[in-house]
């Protein structure tokens, strides 16, 4: 596993050669991993410097003792903090980053807004993604004997149904904001990317890889388009990763 250093684009990133350089955070990541992609977006939005340490999931590098001895489920991402602590699970990592680096908050300041954003994020991370990650798809093929056509049909069904639910939720939240006298959201909730977008954009990237039908999802796709126009999302994109293939 070779580390690649990324220095954040904003003024709050740790500068090269500073006294923090030897203690830079390390993100163990795989370029196509949705969960890793979420954390890369969060790091970029906050302008934080980190070392990218690729872990090739298809080759099974996550099972190597050097990695698995630190990560109970041997999954990515894992973040090694600048104090040397190993953190796992993308949602927990992002909330840790949000609590320890106040700049560019990824959760609203009010309790209602935080609940809405967390719910949207969990619709992706807890409802859509677990049914369709790499190990599940491999199990369908190798243990259950599913054909590639059946595997892709499984993926498309659960992703599409989950995204339709996400679209309906955005419509409900738009109506709630109108009833509260709030301005319409330009992102999922409010006028800036949040934890919800950190989860949504990677899911759409992988849905497009599997040719999932993304028509008739206007609110959702408008948010994704706005996000992908931002430098932070472009720099976190799988094609911008040092391990991209």
Protein backbone atom coordinates (compact mmCIF):
# COMPACT_ATOMS: atom_id res chain seq x y z
CA UNK A 1 0.00 0.00 0.00
CA UNK A 2 1.57 3.25 -1.17
CA UNK A 3 0.54 6.57 0.36
CA UNK A 4 -0.13 9.66 -1.73
CA UNK A 5 -0.32 13.07 -0.07
CA UNK A 6 -3.14 15.47 -0.82
CA UNK A 7 -2.87 19.03 0.49
CA UNK A 8 -6.25 20.66 0.90
CA UNK A 9 -7.08 23.62 -1.32
CA UNK A 10 -8.19 26.00 1.39
CA UNK A 11 -6.47 28.17 3.92
CA UNK A 12 -7.33 25.82 6.80
CA UNK A 13 -5.38 22.91 5.28
CA UNK A 14 -2.15 21.93 7.01
CA UNK A 15 0.68 23.42 4.89
CA UNK A 16 3.49 21.25 3.63
CA UNK A 17 6.53 21.52 5.85
CA UNK A 18 4.56 22.65 8.88
CA UNK A 19 5.00 21.09 12.29
CA UNK A 20 1.90 18.99 11.53
CA UNK A 21 3.31 17.46 8.36
CA UNK A 22 4.63 14.36 10.13
CA UNK A 23 1.21 13.79 11.70
CA UNK A 24 -1.01 14.18 8.67
CA UNK A 25 -4.19 12.13 8.58
CA UNK A 26 -4.14 8.96 6.50
CA UNK A 27 -7.21 7.79 4.61
CA UNK A 28 -7.23 4.13 3.61
CA UNK A 29 -9.43 4.18 0.54
CA UNK A 30 -10.42 2.47 -2.69
CA UNK A 31 -11.22 4.75 -5.60
CA UNK A 32 -14.56 3.09 -6.47
CA UNK A 33 -15.72 2.52 -2.90
CA UNK A 34 -18.83 4.62 -2.24
CA UNK A 35 -18.04 4.80 1.45
CA UNK A 36 -14.47 5.98 0.80
CA UNK A 37 -15.76 8.51 -1.73
CA UNK A 38 -18.02 9.99 0.98
CA UNK A 39 -15.07 10.65 3.25
CA UNK A 40 -12.96 12.09 0.42
CA UNK A 41 -15.75 14.58 -0.29
CA UNK A 42 -15.91 15.59 3.37
CA UNK A 43 -12.14 16.07 3.54
CA UNK A 44 -12.18 18.16 0.37
CA UNK A 45 -15.12 20.30 1.49
CA UNK A 46 -13.25 21.06 4.69
CA UNK A 47 -9.94 21.63 2.89
CA UNK A 48 -8.05 19.14 5.05
CA UNK A 49 -4.70 17.63 4.09
CA UNK A 50 -4.37 13.86 4.18
CA UNK A 51 -2.38 10.95 2.84
CA UNK A 52 -4.35 8.70 0.53
CA UNK A 53 -3.44 5.04 1.12
CA UNK A 54 -5.04 2.87 -1.59
CA UNK A 55 -6.46 -0.49 -0.54
CA UNK A 56 -7.43 -2.53 -3.61
CA UNK A 57 -10.64 -4.34 -2.68
CA UNK A 58 -10.86 -6.49 -5.79
CA UNK A 59 -7.35 -7.84 -5.15
CA UNK A 60 -8.20 -8.47 -1.49
CA UNK A 61 -5.63 -6.06 -0.02
CA UNK A 62 -8.08 -5.25 2.79
CA UNK A 63 -7.47 -8.76 4.16
CA UNK A 64 -3.72 -8.23 4.59
CA UNK A 65 -2.61 -8.35 8.22
CA UNK A 66 -1.09 -4.88 8.06
CA UNK A 67 -4.57 -3.49 7.45
CA UNK A 68 -6.98 -6.02 8.94
CA UNK A 69 -5.17 -5.97 12.29
CA UNK A 70 -6.47 -2.40 12.74
CA UNK A 71 -9.94 -2.74 11.23
CA UNK A 72 -12.34 -5.32 12.63
CA UNK A 73 -14.49 -5.70 9.51
CA UNK A 74 -11.54 -5.28 7.10
CA UNK A 75 -13.50 -2.76 5.03
CA UNK A 76 -12.70 0.70 3.71
CA UNK A 77 -12.52 3.50 4.50
CA UNK A 78 -10.40 3.78 7.59
CA UNK A 79 -9.00 7.09 8.77
CA UNK A 80 -5.88 7.31 10.88
CA UNK A 81 -6.12 10.62 12.72
CA UNK A 82 -3.21 12.98 13.20
CA UNK A 83 -3.00 11.53 16.72
CA UNK A 84 -2.71 7.98 15.42
CA UNK A 85 -6.23 6.73 16.19
CA UNK A 86 -7.85 4.38 13.67
CA UNK A 87 -11.45 5.28 12.82
CA UNK A 88 -13.81 3.14 10.76
CA UNK A 89 -17.23 3.51 9.10
CA UNK A 90 -17.67 6.48 6.79
CA UNK A 91 -20.55 8.11 8.66
CA UNK A 92 -18.67 8.05 11.95
CA UNK A 93 -15.52 9.36 10.26
CA UNK A 94 -17.38 12.27 8.65
CA UNK A 95 -19.07 13.25 11.91
CA UNK A 96 -15.68 13.06 13.65
CA UNK A 97 -14.23 15.41 11.05
CA UNK A 98 -17.19 17.73 11.45
CA UNK A 99 -16.82 17.85 15.22
CA UNK A 100 -13.04 18.35 15.19
CA UNK A 101 -12.85 20.81 12.28
CA UNK A 102 -15.59 23.41 12.55
CA UNK A 103 -14.91 25.05 9.19
CA UNK A 104 -17.48 24.27 6.49
CA UNK A 105 -19.94 22.39 8.72
CA UNK A 106 -21.54 19.33 7.15
CA UNK A 107 -24.51 19.29 9.50
CA UNK A 108 -26.93 22.19 10.12
CA UNK A 109 -26.66 24.05 13.39
CA UNK A 110 -30.29 23.41 14.37
CA UNK A 111 -31.58 20.07 15.64
CA UNK A 112 -34.37 19.81 13.05
CA UNK A 113 -32.00 20.43 10.16
CA UNK A 114 -29.48 17.89 11.52
CA UNK A 115 -32.23 15.27 11.81
CA UNK A 116 -33.35 15.84 8.22
CA UNK A 117 -29.79 15.68 6.85
CA UNK A 118 -28.92 12.56 8.82
CA UNK A 119 -32.12 10.88 7.64
CA UNK A 120 -31.28 11.59 4.00
CA UNK A 121 -27.73 10.35 4.47
CA UNK A 122 -28.98 7.17 6.11
CA UNK A 123 -31.42 6.53 3.27
CA UNK A 124 -28.32 6.01 1.13
CA UNK A 125 -25.85 4.57 3.64
CA UNK A 126 -28.25 2.27 5.51
CA UNK A 127 -30.97 1.43 2.96
CA UNK A 128 -29.44 1.49 -0.53
CA UNK A 129 -25.72 0.83 -0.18
CA UNK A 130 -25.68 -2.29 2.07
CA UNK A 131 -27.66 -4.31 -0.49
CA UNK A 132 -25.32 -3.45 -3.33
CA UNK A 133 -21.74 -3.24 -2.12
CA UNK A 134 -18.97 -5.34 -3.63
CA UNK A 135 -19.04 -8.21 -1.14
CA UNK A 136 -22.81 -8.64 -1.52
CA UNK A 137 -22.57 -8.68 -5.31
CA UNK A 138 -19.73 -11.22 -5.12
CA UNK A 139 -21.80 -13.42 -2.80
CA UNK A 140 -24.73 -13.35 -5.20
CA UNK A 141 -22.51 -14.61 -8.00
CA UNK A 142 -20.13 -17.01 -6.25
CA UNK A 143 -22.29 -18.47 -3.48
CA UNK A 144 -25.83 -18.06 -4.83
CA UNK A 145 -25.00 -18.80 -8.46
CA UNK A 146 -26.54 -15.60 -9.83
CA UNK A 147 -25.67 -14.69 -13.39
CA UNK A 148 -24.21 -11.30 -14.24
CA UNK A 149 -27.61 -10.35 -15.64
CA UNK A 150 -29.34 -11.32 -12.41
CA UNK A 151 -26.71 -9.53 -10.32
CA UNK A 152 -27.10 -6.34 -12.33
CA UNK A 153 -30.89 -6.65 -12.10
CA UNK A 154 -30.63 -6.94 -8.30
CA UNK A 155 -28.42 -3.86 -8.18
CA UNK A 156 -30.67 -1.80 -10.44
CA UNK A 157 -33.85 -2.72 -8.57
CA UNK A 158 -32.65 -1.77 -5.09
CA UNK A 159 -30.78 1.35 -6.18
CA UNK A 160 -33.66 2.67 -8.27
CA UNK A 161 -36.28 2.02 -5.58
CA UNK A 162 -34.06 3.66 -2.96
CA UNK A 163 -33.44 6.72 -5.11
CA UNK A 164 -37.15 7.07 -5.81
CA UNK A 165 -37.71 7.16 -2.05
CA UNK A 166 -34.96 9.77 -1.72
CA UNK A 167 -36.66 11.89 -4.41
CA UNK A 168 -39.99 11.66 -2.59
CA UNK A 169 -38.30 12.72 0.65
CA UNK A 170 -36.78 15.77 -1.02
CA UNK A 171 -40.25 16.77 -2.22
CA UNK A 172 -41.63 16.40 1.31
CA UNK A 173 -38.79 18.52 2.69
CA UNK A 174 -39.42 21.20 0.06
CA UNK A 175 -43.05 21.36 1.20
CA UNK A 176 -41.98 21.54 4.84
CA UNK A 177 -39.61 24.44 4.16
CA UNK A 178 -42.37 26.29 2.30
CA UNK A 179 -44.77 25.80 5.22
CA UNK A 180 -42.09 27.09 7.60
CA UNK A 181 -41.50 30.17 5.48
CA UNK A 182 -37.95 29.08 4.56
CA UNK A 183 -36.32 29.61 1.20
CA UNK A 184 -36.29 26.60 -1.13
CA UNK A 185 -33.23 24.39 -0.76
CA UNK A 186 -30.58 24.56 -3.45
CA UNK A 187 -29.02 21.36 -2.10
CA UNK A 188 -30.69 18.55 -0.14
CA UNK A 189 -31.44 20.79 2.83
CA UNK A 190 -30.41 24.42 2.70
CA UNK A 191 -27.94 26.23 0.50
CA UNK A 192 -24.72 24.23 1.00
CA UNK A 193 -23.59 20.60 0.69
CA UNK A 194 -23.98 18.49 3.80
CA UNK A 195 -23.52 14.92 4.99
CA UNK A 196 -26.47 14.05 2.73
CA UNK A 197 -24.60 15.09 -0.42
CA UNK A 198 -21.48 13.26 0.78
CA UNK A 199 -23.58 10.08 0.58
CA UNK A 200 -25.77 10.86 -2.43
CA UNK A 201 -23.12 11.79 -4.99
CA UNK A 202 -21.08 8.54 -4.63
CA UNK A 203 -24.27 6.49 -4.90
CA UNK A 204 -25.18 8.22 -8.16
CA UNK A 205 -21.66 7.67 -9.51
CA UNK A 206 -21.97 3.93 -8.93
CA UNK A 207 -25.55 3.84 -10.23
CA UNK A 208 -24.28 5.33 -13.48
CA UNK A 209 -21.51 2.70 -13.64
CA UNK A 210 -24.21 0.01 -13.53
CA UNK A 211 -26.46 1.83 -16.03
CA UNK A 212 -29.30 2.31 -13.55
CA UNK A 213 -32.22 4.35 -14.90
CA UNK A 214 -31.94 7.81 -13.35
CA UNK A 215 -34.80 9.46 -15.22
CA UNK A 216 -37.67 11.22 -13.43
CA UNK A 217 -35.56 12.14 -10.40
CA UNK A 218 -35.39 15.91 -10.97
CA UNK A 219 -34.70 17.19 -7.47
CA UNK A 220 -32.10 14.56 -6.72
CA UNK A 221 -30.24 14.93 -10.00
CA UNK A 222 -30.28 18.73 -9.76
CA UNK A 223 -28.50 18.45 -6.41
CA UNK A 224 -25.94 16.05 -7.89
CA UNK A 225 -25.30 18.39 -10.82
CA UNK A 226 -24.74 21.33 -8.46
CA UNK A 227 -22.34 19.26 -6.37
CA UNK A 228 -20.34 17.97 -9.31
CA UNK A 229 -19.75 21.53 -10.45
CA UNK A 230 -17.87 22.27 -7.20
CA UNK A 231 -14.08 21.78 -7.01
CA UNK A 232 -14.30 19.76 -3.79
CA UNK A 233 -16.48 17.13 -5.43
CA UNK A 234 -14.33 17.09 -8.56
CA UNK A 235 -11.16 16.53 -6.51
CA UNK A 236 -12.81 13.71 -4.56
CA UNK A 237 -14.07 11.97 -7.71
CA UNK A 238 -12.77 8.43 -8.34
CA UNK A 239 -11.10 9.54 -11.58
CA UNK A 240 -8.99 12.01 -9.57
CA UNK A 241 -7.71 9.34 -7.17
CA UNK A 242 -4.09 8.15 -7.41
CA UNK A 243 -5.30 4.53 -7.58
CA UNK A 244 -7.85 5.16 -10.35
CA UNK A 245 -7.93 2.52 -13.06
